[in-house]
Amino acid sequence: MYDFIEGRLVELDPIAATVQTGGFGYLLNISLNTYSALQPLLGSDKACKVYLHHVVREDTQLFFGFFEKKERSLFRLLISVSGVGAGTARMILSSLSVEDLQKAIAESNANVLKNVKGIGLKTAQRIIVDLKDKIGAVGISDGSFLLTHSSSKEEALSALINLGFSKASVEKVLDKIIAARPSLTVEEVIKEALKAGI
């Protein structure tokens, strides 16, 4: 799994960026939010760091790049919703800031999502229903938003499944651990699950 790429930004347009490192140029599909954040780095010798999501399809492999980890996390949550593909998720993140999207989901505001090109009312409602519990509005007054413990659960779940545990048995244990101690880090959640004898 690719986590990030660090190198020199050699090309940039509103939907793509090329980052050069190790003699290769990597083409990244980006949102308008990431485009705006990367603009000051174009043409400079300063290295840029872009977080990656790798999509493997039968006929192609694509990289989606994000200037901030929280945008990538939101992208991954969006593509977990039935009917929302990578292109649609990128369109949503190009139309709304991370904060505006999180606020719309937290407040069940389907109209904000419906204003994004290609998103109908049913898809907007599905996004809200599927993601509302996974996104927490923390500190709404100052505009700062954080993912809730659901994100930690998913990371821990993925790690434990990769270690060979079954999803069904792991999920119940994780729910109990996180409900009892929501402030635990992903690492601590995994350790507690292993202690619980899953």
Foldseek 3Di string as FASTA:
>chain_A
DAFKDKAAWADADQQWTWGDDPNDTAIAGEANVQRVVCVVRHPDRHMAMWTWDWDDDPVDIHIHTHNDPLLVLQLVLQCVQPPQHSVNSSQQCNQDPSLVVLVCLLVVPLVSVCPGPPDHSVSSNSSSVSCNVQWDQDPVVVSDTDTFLVSLLVVLLVVVVVVPDDSVVQNVLLVVVCVVPVVDGSVVSNVVSVVVPD
